[in-house]
Amino acid sequence: MIGEKYCYSYSHVLLLLITLIAIATGQILDDKPTRHLDHLALFPEKKTWCDVKQIQQEVALPGCHSKLIPNTVCFGQCFSYSIPQSMPDKADPHLQYCECCKPIRLSQVKVTLTCPRNDVKVMDKLVEVVEACDCQKCFEDPPIQDGAIIDDFSYYSYYEDDI
């Protein structure tokens, strides 16, 4: 009737919210989304981002002079959500979603440290270098592509710390 008020129960609103989120994450059409979630239907103006950022990392071993090397880390904001369930229903795994900014491609560099306090005066340490990052499911190991070990350090600047 015209002018009739509509009354929606909490369960109807919750069902609509769950449906919108499931559509946004691709869980209704495909149980395993092929790419990460970069926006939500409820907040279309919000976007995810996950980038490689430069840092200075200290590499050290006991009895050795440490070195400060340029390196990279993953840094960003990815989506996660958790929808409360009604009791006594069992937990539905589709009501939770979590992504984290993680490496998707790594390489390694060999860093040589001088060790005057050790029997072995020079020691090598392998250090991971993040080459690419993306939002990935938080509790699954991402498909990381391993790069080669880099032996040429000419592009790295080392700084010895006084110990």
N, C-alpha and C. Protein backbone atom coordinates (compact mmCIF):
# COMPACT_ATOMS: atom_id res chain seq x y z
N MET A 1 0.83 -1.18 0.00
CA MET A 1 0.00 0.00 0.00
C MET A 1 0.88 1.24 0.00
N ILE A 2 0.34 2.31 -0.55
CA ILE A 2 1.06 3.57 -0.57
C ILE A 2 1.09 4.14 0.83
N GLY A 3 2.25 4.64 1.25
CA GLY A 3 2.40 5.22 2.57
C GLY A 3 2.64 4.20 3.66
N GLU A 4 2.68 2.92 3.33
CA GLU A 4 2.92 1.88 4.31
C GLU A 4 4.39 1.87 4.69
N LYS A 5 4.68 1.80 5.97
CA LYS A 5 6.06 1.77 6.45
C LYS A 5 6.62 0.35 6.35
N TYR A 6 7.91 0.29 5.99
CA TYR A 6 8.57 -1.01 5.93
C TYR A 6 9.38 -1.22 7.18
N CYS A 7 9.34 -2.40 7.70
CA CYS A 7 10.10 -2.73 8.90
C CYS A 7 11.04 -3.88 8.56
N TYR A 8 12.35 -3.60 8.65
CA TYR A 8 13.35 -4.62 8.37
C TYR A 8 13.93 -5.12 9.68
N SER A 9 13.99 -6.40 9.82
CA SER A 9 14.58 -6.97 11.03
C SER A 9 16.10 -6.95 10.92
N TYR A 10 16.74 -7.12 12.03
CA TYR A 10 18.21 -7.17 12.08
C TYR A 10 18.74 -8.26 11.16
N SER A 11 18.06 -9.40 11.12
CA SER A 11 18.54 -10.51 10.28
C SER A 11 18.46 -10.17 8.80
N HIS A 12 17.45 -9.40 8.37
CA HIS A 12 17.36 -8.99 6.96
C HIS A 12 18.50 -8.05 6.60
N VAL A 13 18.79 -7.10 7.47
CA VAL A 13 19.88 -6.15 7.23
C VAL A 13 21.21 -6.89 7.21
N LEU A 14 21.40 -7.81 8.14
CA LEU A 14 22.64 -8.59 8.19
C LEU A 14 22.80 -9.45 6.94
N LEU A 15 21.73 -10.06 6.48
CA LEU A 15 21.77 -10.86 5.26
C LEU A 15 22.15 -10.00 4.06
N LEU A 16 21.59 -8.81 3.97
CA LEU A 16 21.93 -7.89 2.87
C LEU A 16 23.41 -7.51 2.95
N LEU A 17 23.89 -7.20 4.14
CA LEU A 17 25.30 -6.83 4.33
C LEU A 17 26.22 -7.99 3.93
N ILE A 18 25.90 -9.19 4.35
CA ILE A 18 26.71 -10.37 4.01
C ILE A 18 26.72 -10.58 2.50
N THR A 19 25.57 -10.43 1.87
CA THR A 19 25.48 -10.60 0.42
C THR A 19 26.33 -9.57 -0.31
N LEU A 20 26.26 -8.31 0.11
CA LEU A 20 27.07 -7.26 -0.53
C LEU A 20 28.56 -7.54 -0.39
N ILE A 21 28.99 -7.95 0.78
CA ILE A 21 30.41 -8.24 0.99
C ILE A 21 30.82 -9.47 0.21
N ALA A 22 29.99 -10.49 0.18
CA ALA A 22 30.32 -11.70 -0.58
C ALA A 22 30.44 -11.39 -2.06
N ILE A 23 29.56 -10.55 -2.58
CA ILE A 23 29.66 -10.16 -3.99
C ILE A 23 30.94 -9.38 -4.23
N ALA A 24 31.26 -8.45 -3.33
CA ALA A 24 32.47 -7.63 -3.48
C ALA A 24 33.74 -8.47 -3.44
N THR A 25 33.75 -9.53 -2.67
CA THR A 25 34.95 -10.36 -2.57
C THR A 25 34.96 -11.49 -3.58
N GLY A 26 33.90 -11.64 -4.34
CA GLY A 26 33.85 -12.70 -5.34
C GLY A 26 33.50 -14.06 -4.78
N GLN A 27 33.05 -14.13 -3.53
CA GLN A 27 32.81 -15.42 -2.91
C GLN A 27 31.49 -16.05 -3.34
N ILE A 28 30.57 -15.28 -3.91
CA ILE A 28 29.34 -15.89 -4.39
C ILE A 28 29.57 -16.50 -5.77
N LEU A 29 30.30 -15.79 -6.62
CA LEU A 29 30.53 -16.28 -7.97
C LEU A 29 31.68 -17.27 -8.05
N ASP A 30 32.68 -17.09 -7.19
CA ASP A 30 33.88 -17.93 -7.24
C ASP A 30 34.39 -18.06 -5.82
N ASP A 31 34.50 -19.28 -5.33
CA ASP A 31 34.93 -19.50 -3.95
C ASP A 31 36.36 -19.06 -3.70
N LYS A 32 37.19 -19.02 -4.74
CA LYS A 32 38.58 -18.60 -4.59
C LYS A 32 38.85 -17.46 -5.56
N PRO A 33 38.81 -16.20 -5.06
CA PRO A 33 39.08 -15.08 -5.95
C PRO A 33 40.47 -15.21 -6.57
N THR A 34 40.56 -14.85 -7.86
CA THR A 34 41.83 -14.98 -8.55
C THR A 34 42.76 -13.82 -8.24
N ARG A 35 42.24 -12.71 -7.77
CA ARG A 35 43.10 -11.60 -7.39
C ARG A 35 42.60 -11.03 -6.07
N HIS A 36 43.41 -10.19 -5.48
CA HIS A 36 43.04 -9.68 -4.17
C HIS A 36 41.92 -8.66 -4.26
N LEU A 37 41.32 -8.39 -3.14
CA LEU A 37 40.23 -7.45 -3.00
C LEU A 37 40.80 -6.04 -2.97
N ASP A 38 40.41 -5.16 -3.93
CA ASP A 38 40.97 -3.81 -3.92
C ASP A 38 39.93 -2.74 -3.60
N HIS A 39 38.66 -3.13 -3.43
CA HIS A 39 37.64 -2.19 -2.98
C HIS A 39 36.45 -2.98 -2.43
N LEU A 40 35.63 -2.31 -1.65
CA LEU A 40 34.44 -2.93 -1.07
C LEU A 40 33.20 -2.22 -1.58
N ALA A 41 32.12 -2.95 -1.77
CA ALA A 41 30.86 -2.35 -2.21
C ALA A 41 30.35 -1.33 -1.20
N LEU A 42 30.58 -1.59 0.08
CA LEU A 42 30.11 -0.67 1.12
C LEU A 42 30.92 0.62 1.18
N PHE A 43 32.20 0.56 0.79
CA PHE A 43 33.08 1.73 0.84
C PHE A 43 33.84 1.85 -0.47
N PRO A 44 33.17 2.22 -1.56
CA PRO A 44 33.84 2.23 -2.87
C PRO A 44 34.98 3.24 -2.96
N GLU A 45 34.98 4.25 -2.12
CA GLU A 45 36.05 5.26 -2.16
C GLU A 45 37.33 4.77 -1.49
N LYS A 46 37.27 3.71 -0.72
CA LYS A 46 38.44 3.17 -0.03
C LYS A 46 39.16 2.19 -0.95
N LYS A 47 40.46 2.31 -1.05
CA LYS A 47 41.26 1.43 -1.91
C LYS A 47 42.40 0.82 -1.09
N THR A 48 42.84 -0.34 -1.51
CA THR A 48 44.00 -0.96 -0.88
C THR A 48 45.26 -0.46 -1.56
N TRP A 49 46.37 -0.57 -0.85
CA TRP A 49 47.67 -0.28 -1.45
C TRP A 49 48.72 -1.09 -0.72
N CYS A 50 49.70 -1.53 -1.47
CA CYS A 50 50.77 -2.36 -0.93
C CYS A 50 51.99 -2.13 -1.81
N ASP A 51 53.01 -1.50 -1.25
CA ASP A 51 54.17 -1.08 -2.04
C ASP A 51 55.48 -1.56 -1.42
N VAL A 52 56.50 -1.57 -2.25
CA VAL A 52 57.87 -1.82 -1.79
C VAL A 52 58.44 -0.48 -1.34
N LYS A 53 58.96 -0.43 -0.11
CA LYS A 53 59.54 0.80 0.44
C LYS A 53 61.00 0.57 0.81
N GLN A 54 61.80 1.61 0.65
CA GLN A 54 63.22 1.54 0.97
C GLN A 54 63.45 1.69 2.47
N ILE A 55 64.40 0.92 3.00
CA ILE A 55 64.82 1.04 4.40
C ILE A 55 66.34 0.90 4.45
N GLN A 56 66.90 1.16 5.61
CA GLN A 56 68.29 0.84 5.91
C GLN A 56 68.24 -0.28 6.93
N GLN A 57 68.89 -1.40 6.64
CA GLN A 57 68.85 -2.58 7.51
C GLN A 57 70.24 -2.86 8.06
N GLU A 58 70.30 -3.11 9.35
CA GLU A 58 71.57 -3.48 9.98
C GLU A 58 71.73 -5.00 9.88
N VAL A 59 72.86 -5.42 9.35
CA VAL A 59 73.18 -6.85 9.25
C VAL A 59 74.30 -7.11 10.25
N ALA A 60 74.11 -8.09 11.13
CA ALA A 60 75.08 -8.34 12.19
C ALA A 60 75.20 -9.82 12.49
N LEU A 61 76.35 -10.19 13.01
CA LEU A 61 76.61 -11.51 13.56
C LEU A 61 77.45 -11.31 14.82
N PRO A 62 77.33 -12.19 15.82
CA PRO A 62 78.14 -12.04 17.04
C PRO A 62 79.63 -12.04 16.71
N GLY A 63 80.36 -11.06 17.28
CA GLY A 63 81.80 -10.96 17.08
C GLY A 63 82.21 -10.29 15.78
N CYS A 64 81.24 -9.79 15.01
CA CYS A 64 81.53 -9.16 13.71
C CYS A 64 81.12 -7.68 13.74
N HIS A 65 81.76 -6.90 12.86
CA HIS A 65 81.32 -5.52 12.65
C HIS A 65 80.02 -5.57 11.85
N SER A 66 79.01 -4.84 12.30
CA SER A 66 77.75 -4.82 11.57
C SER A 66 77.87 -3.89 10.36
N LYS A 67 76.98 -4.09 9.40
CA LYS A 67 76.92 -3.24 8.22
C LYS A 67 75.50 -2.75 8.04
N LEU A 68 75.37 -1.53 7.63
CA LEU A 68 74.08 -0.94 7.31
C LEU A 68 73.93 -0.99 5.79
N ILE A 69 72.90 -1.70 5.32
CA ILE A 69 72.70 -1.84 3.88
C ILE A 69 71.33 -1.31 3.49
N PRO A 70 71.19 -0.83 2.27
CA PRO A 70 69.84 -0.48 1.79
C PRO A 70 69.07 -1.77 1.51
N ASN A 71 67.82 -1.78 1.89
CA ASN A 71 66.98 -2.94 1.64
C ASN A 71 65.56 -2.45 1.41
N THR A 72 64.63 -3.37 1.27
CA THR A 72 63.24 -3.03 1.00
C THR A 72 62.31 -3.86 1.88
N VAL A 73 61.13 -3.32 2.14
CA VAL A 73 60.09 -4.00 2.91
C VAL A 73 58.75 -3.79 2.21
N CYS A 74 57.79 -4.62 2.55
CA CYS A 74 56.41 -4.43 2.09
C CYS A 74 55.69 -3.54 3.10
N PHE A 75 54.96 -2.56 2.60
CA PHE A 75 54.25 -1.63 3.47
C PHE A 75 52.96 -1.22 2.78
N GLY A 76 51.83 -1.33 3.50
CA GLY A 76 50.58 -0.92 2.88
C GLY A 76 49.37 -1.21 3.74
N GLN A 77 48.21 -1.04 3.14
CA GLN A 77 46.93 -1.29 3.79
C GLN A 77 46.10 -2.19 2.88
N CYS A 78 45.68 -3.31 3.43
CA CYS A 78 44.86 -4.26 2.70
C CYS A 78 43.56 -4.47 3.47
N PHE A 79 42.55 -4.99 2.82
CA PHE A 79 41.25 -5.15 3.45
C PHE A 79 41.15 -6.40 4.32
N SER A 80 40.36 -6.26 5.37
CA SER A 80 39.93 -7.40 6.16
C SER A 80 38.57 -7.04 6.74
N TYR A 81 37.79 -8.04 7.05
CA TYR A 81 36.51 -7.81 7.71
C TYR A 81 36.10 -9.07 8.45
N SER A 82 35.22 -8.90 9.40
CA SER A 82 34.64 -10.00 10.14
C SER A 82 33.21 -9.63 10.47
N ILE A 83 32.27 -10.46 10.06
CA ILE A 83 30.86 -10.18 10.28
C ILE A 83 30.39 -11.04 11.45
N PRO A 84 29.77 -10.42 12.46
CA PRO A 84 29.30 -11.22 13.60
C PRO A 84 28.22 -12.19 13.14
N GLN A 85 28.21 -13.34 13.77
CA GLN A 85 27.22 -14.36 13.42
C GLN A 85 26.15 -14.42 14.50
N SER A 86 25.02 -15.02 14.15
CA SER A 86 23.97 -15.22 15.14
C SER A 86 24.15 -16.61 15.74
N MET A 87 23.79 -16.75 16.97
CA MET A 87 23.95 -18.02 17.67
C MET A 87 22.62 -18.76 17.64
N PRO A 88 22.53 -20.03 17.62
CA PRO A 88 23.57 -21.02 17.84
C PRO A 88 24.20 -21.56 16.56
N ASP A 89 24.11 -20.83 15.43
CA ASP A 89 24.70 -21.32 14.19
C ASP A 89 26.20 -21.50 14.34
N LYS A 90 26.73 -22.46 13.58
CA LYS A 90 28.18 -22.68 13.58
C LYS A 90 28.85 -21.59 12.76
N ALA A 91 30.12 -21.39 13.03
CA ALA A 91 30.88 -20.36 12.32
C ALA A 91 30.91 -20.64 10.82
N ASP A 92 30.72 -19.61 10.04
CA ASP A 92 30.79 -19.71 8.59
C ASP A 92 32.09 -19.07 8.14
N PRO A 93 32.99 -19.83 7.51
CA PRO A 93 34.29 -19.27 7.13
C PRO A 93 34.17 -18.12 6.13
N HIS A 94 33.05 -18.01 5.44
CA HIS A 94 32.88 -16.93 4.47
C HIS A 94 32.55 -15.60 5.13
N LEU A 95 32.37 -15.58 6.44
CA LEU A 95 32.06 -14.34 7.14
C LEU A 95 33.31 -13.60 7.58
N GLN A 96 34.47 -14.15 7.30
CA GLN A 96 35.73 -13.50 7.65
C GLN A 96 36.63 -13.45 6.43
N TYR A 97 37.36 -12.34 6.32
CA TYR A 97 38.27 -12.17 5.20
C TYR A 97 39.44 -11.34 5.70
N CYS A 98 40.64 -11.75 5.34
CA CYS A 98 41.82 -11.02 5.81
C CYS A 98 42.91 -11.04 4.74
N GLU A 99 43.41 -9.87 4.40
CA GLU A 99 44.56 -9.74 3.50
C GLU A 99 45.62 -8.88 4.17
N CYS A 100 46.88 -9.20 3.89
CA CYS A 100 48.03 -8.47 4.44
C CYS A 100 48.96 -8.11 3.29
N CYS A 101 49.73 -7.07 3.48
CA CYS A 101 50.73 -6.64 2.50
C CYS A 101 51.95 -7.55 2.65
N LYS A 102 52.19 -8.41 1.64
CA LYS A 102 53.24 -9.43 1.74
C LYS A 102 54.10 -9.46 0.47
N PRO A 103 55.32 -10.00 0.60
CA PRO A 103 56.17 -10.15 -0.59
C PRO A 103 55.60 -11.17 -1.57
N ILE A 104 55.73 -10.87 -2.86
CA ILE A 104 55.37 -11.86 -3.89
C ILE A 104 56.59 -12.22 -4.73
N ARG A 105 57.67 -11.46 -4.59
CA ARG A 105 58.92 -11.81 -5.27
C ARG A 105 60.09 -11.38 -4.39
N LEU A 106 61.01 -12.33 -4.13
CA LEU A 106 62.17 -12.09 -3.28
C LEU A 106 63.44 -12.47 -4.01
N SER A 107 64.52 -11.85 -3.61
CA SER A 107 65.85 -12.31 -4.01
C SER A 107 66.70 -12.28 -2.73
N GLN A 108 67.94 -12.68 -2.85
CA GLN A 108 68.84 -12.66 -1.70
C GLN A 108 70.16 -12.02 -2.10
N VAL A 109 70.75 -11.33 -1.12
CA VAL A 109 72.10 -10.81 -1.33
C VAL A 109 73.00 -11.42 -0.26
N LYS A 110 74.24 -11.62 -0.62
CA LYS A 110 75.22 -12.14 0.32
C LYS A 110 75.99 -10.94 0.86
N VAL A 111 75.94 -10.76 2.17
CA VAL A 111 76.64 -9.66 2.83
C VAL A 111 77.84 -10.25 3.56
N THR A 112 79.01 -9.71 3.30
CA THR A 112 80.25 -10.18 3.93
C THR A 112 80.57 -9.28 5.12
N LEU A 113 80.72 -9.89 6.29
CA LEU A 113 81.03 -9.15 7.51
C LEU A 113 82.45 -9.47 7.97
N THR A 114 83.12 -8.44 8.49
CA THR A 114 84.45 -8.61 9.07
C THR A 114 84.27 -8.96 10.54
N CYS A 115 84.98 -10.02 10.99
CA CYS A 115 84.76 -10.55 12.33
C CYS A 115 86.08 -10.65 13.10
N PRO A 116 86.61 -9.54 13.63
CA PRO A 116 87.90 -9.57 14.31
C PRO A 116 87.89 -10.38 15.60
N ARG A 117 86.74 -10.59 16.21
CA ARG A 117 86.66 -11.31 17.49
C ARG A 117 86.40 -12.80 17.32
N ASN A 118 86.32 -13.27 16.10
CA ASN A 118 86.06 -14.69 15.83
C ASN A 118 87.29 -15.36 15.25
N ASP A 119 87.31 -16.70 15.32
CA ASP A 119 88.38 -17.45 14.67
C ASP A 119 88.32 -17.26 13.16
N VAL A 120 87.09 -17.25 12.63
CA VAL A 120 86.90 -16.98 11.20
C VAL A 120 86.75 -15.46 11.07
N LYS A 121 87.67 -14.82 10.35
CA LYS A 121 87.74 -13.35 10.31
C LYS A 121 86.74 -12.72 9.34
N VAL A 122 86.20 -13.50 8.41
CA VAL A 122 85.22 -12.99 7.45
C VAL A 122 84.07 -14.00 7.38
N MET A 123 82.84 -13.50 7.53
CA MET A 123 81.67 -14.38 7.47
C MET A 123 80.63 -13.78 6.53
N ASP A 124 79.92 -14.66 5.82
CA ASP A 124 78.86 -14.23 4.92
C ASP A 124 77.50 -14.49 5.55
N LYS A 125 76.56 -13.59 5.26
CA LYS A 125 75.20 -13.76 5.73
C LYS A 125 74.26 -13.44 4.57
N LEU A 126 73.29 -14.34 4.32
CA LEU A 126 72.30 -14.11 3.27
C LEU A 126 71.17 -13.24 3.82
N VAL A 127 70.80 -12.23 3.05
CA VAL A 127 69.74 -11.31 3.45
C VAL A 127 68.68 -11.29 2.34
N GLU A 128 67.42 -11.46 2.71
CA GLU A 128 66.34 -11.39 1.73
C GLU A 128 66.12 -9.94 1.30
N VAL A 129 65.81 -9.78 0.01
CA VAL A 129 65.46 -8.47 -0.54
C VAL A 129 64.09 -8.60 -1.19
N VAL A 130 63.15 -7.77 -0.75
CA VAL A 130 61.80 -7.78 -1.32
C VAL A 130 61.84 -7.03 -2.64
N GLU A 131 61.39 -7.69 -3.70
CA GLU A 131 61.36 -7.05 -5.02
C GLU A 131 59.96 -6.59 -5.42
N ALA A 132 58.92 -7.29 -4.94
CA ALA A 132 57.54 -6.92 -5.27
C ALA A 132 56.62 -7.37 -4.14
N CYS A 133 55.56 -6.60 -3.91
CA CYS A 133 54.58 -6.89 -2.85
C CYS A 133 53.17 -6.80 -3.42
N ASP A 134 52.24 -7.44 -2.70
CA ASP A 134 50.83 -7.33 -3.07
C ASP A 134 50.00 -7.75 -1.86
N CYS A 135 48.74 -7.35 -1.84
CA CYS A 135 47.83 -7.81 -0.80
C CYS A 135 47.54 -9.29 -1.05
N GLN A 136 47.79 -10.11 -0.04
CA GLN A 136 47.60 -11.56 -0.12
C GLN A 136 46.83 -12.01 1.11
N LYS A 137 46.19 -13.17 1.01
CA LYS A 137 45.49 -13.70 2.18
C LYS A 137 46.46 -13.82 3.35
N CYS A 138 46.01 -13.40 4.53
CA CYS A 138 46.89 -13.32 5.70
C CYS A 138 47.43 -14.67 6.15
N PHE A 139 46.62 -15.71 6.11
CA PHE A 139 47.02 -16.96 6.72
C PHE A 139 47.38 -18.04 5.72
N GLU A 140 47.72 -17.64 4.52
CA GLU A 140 48.20 -18.58 3.51
C GLU A 140 49.57 -18.11 3.06
N ASP A 141 50.42 -19.05 2.71
CA ASP A 141 51.72 -18.68 2.16
C ASP A 141 51.51 -18.20 0.73
N PRO A 142 51.97 -16.97 0.43
CA PRO A 142 51.79 -16.46 -0.93
C PRO A 142 52.71 -17.17 -1.91
N PRO A 143 52.36 -17.16 -3.17
CA PRO A 143 53.24 -17.76 -4.18
C PRO A 143 54.42 -16.83 -4.44
N ILE A 144 55.48 -17.00 -3.67
CA ILE A 144 56.66 -16.13 -3.80
C ILE A 144 57.56 -16.66 -4.89
N GLN A 145 57.98 -15.78 -5.75
CA GLN A 145 58.95 -16.13 -6.78
C GLN A 145 60.33 -15.80 -6.23
N ASP A 146 61.17 -16.81 -6.07
CA ASP A 146 62.51 -16.58 -5.56
C ASP A 146 63.42 -16.13 -6.69
N GLY A 147 64.16 -15.08 -6.41
CA GLY A 147 65.16 -14.61 -7.36
C GLY A 147 66.49 -15.26 -7.05
N ALA A 148 67.46 -14.95 -7.85
CA ALA A 148 68.80 -15.51 -7.67
C ALA A 148 69.51 -14.82 -6.52
N ILE A 149 70.55 -15.48 -6.02
CA ILE A 149 71.41 -14.86 -5.03
C ILE A 149 72.34 -13.90 -5.76
N ILE A 150 72.39 -12.69 -5.29
CA ILE A 150 73.20 -11.66 -5.94
C ILE A 150 74.56 -11.61 -5.27
N ASP A 151 75.63 -11.84 -6.04
CA ASP A 151 76.98 -11.80 -5.49
C ASP A 151 77.70 -10.48 -5.78
N ASP A 152 77.18 -9.68 -6.69
CA ASP A 152 77.82 -8.42 -7.04
C ASP A 152 77.19 -7.31 -6.19
N PHE A 153 77.95 -6.76 -5.27
CA PHE A 153 77.43 -5.75 -4.34
C PHE A 153 77.78 -4.34 -4.77
N SER A 154 78.22 -4.13 -5.99
CA SER A 154 78.69 -2.82 -6.41
C SER A 154 77.61 -1.74 -6.27
N TYR A 155 76.35 -2.14 -6.31
CA TYR A 155 75.28 -1.14 -6.19
C TYR A 155 74.86 -0.91 -4.74
N TYR A 156 75.43 -1.65 -3.80
CA TYR A 156 75.12 -1.45 -2.39
C TYR A 156 76.19 -0.59 -1.72
N SER A 157 75.76 0.27 -0.81
CA SER A 157 76.69 1.07 -0.02
C SER A 157 76.72 0.50 1.39
N TYR A 158 77.89 0.12 1.85
CA TYR A 158 78.02 -0.44 3.18
C TYR A 158 78.64 0.59 4.11
N TYR A 159 78.20 0.54 5.34
CA TYR A 159 78.74 1.41 6.38
C TYR A 159 79.06 0.53 7.57
N GLU A 160 80.31 0.53 7.99
CA GLU A 160 80.68 -0.27 9.16
C GLU A 160 80.39 0.52 10.42
N ASP A 161 79.82 -0.14 11.39
CA ASP A 161 79.60 0.46 12.70
C ASP A 161 80.77 0.09 13.59
N ASP A 162 81.13 0.99 14.47
CA ASP A 162 82.17 0.67 15.45
C ASP A 162 81.54 -0.12 16.57
N ILE A 163 82.09 -1.28 16.82
CA ILE A 163 81.55 -2.13 17.90
C ILE A 163 82.53 -2.12 19.05
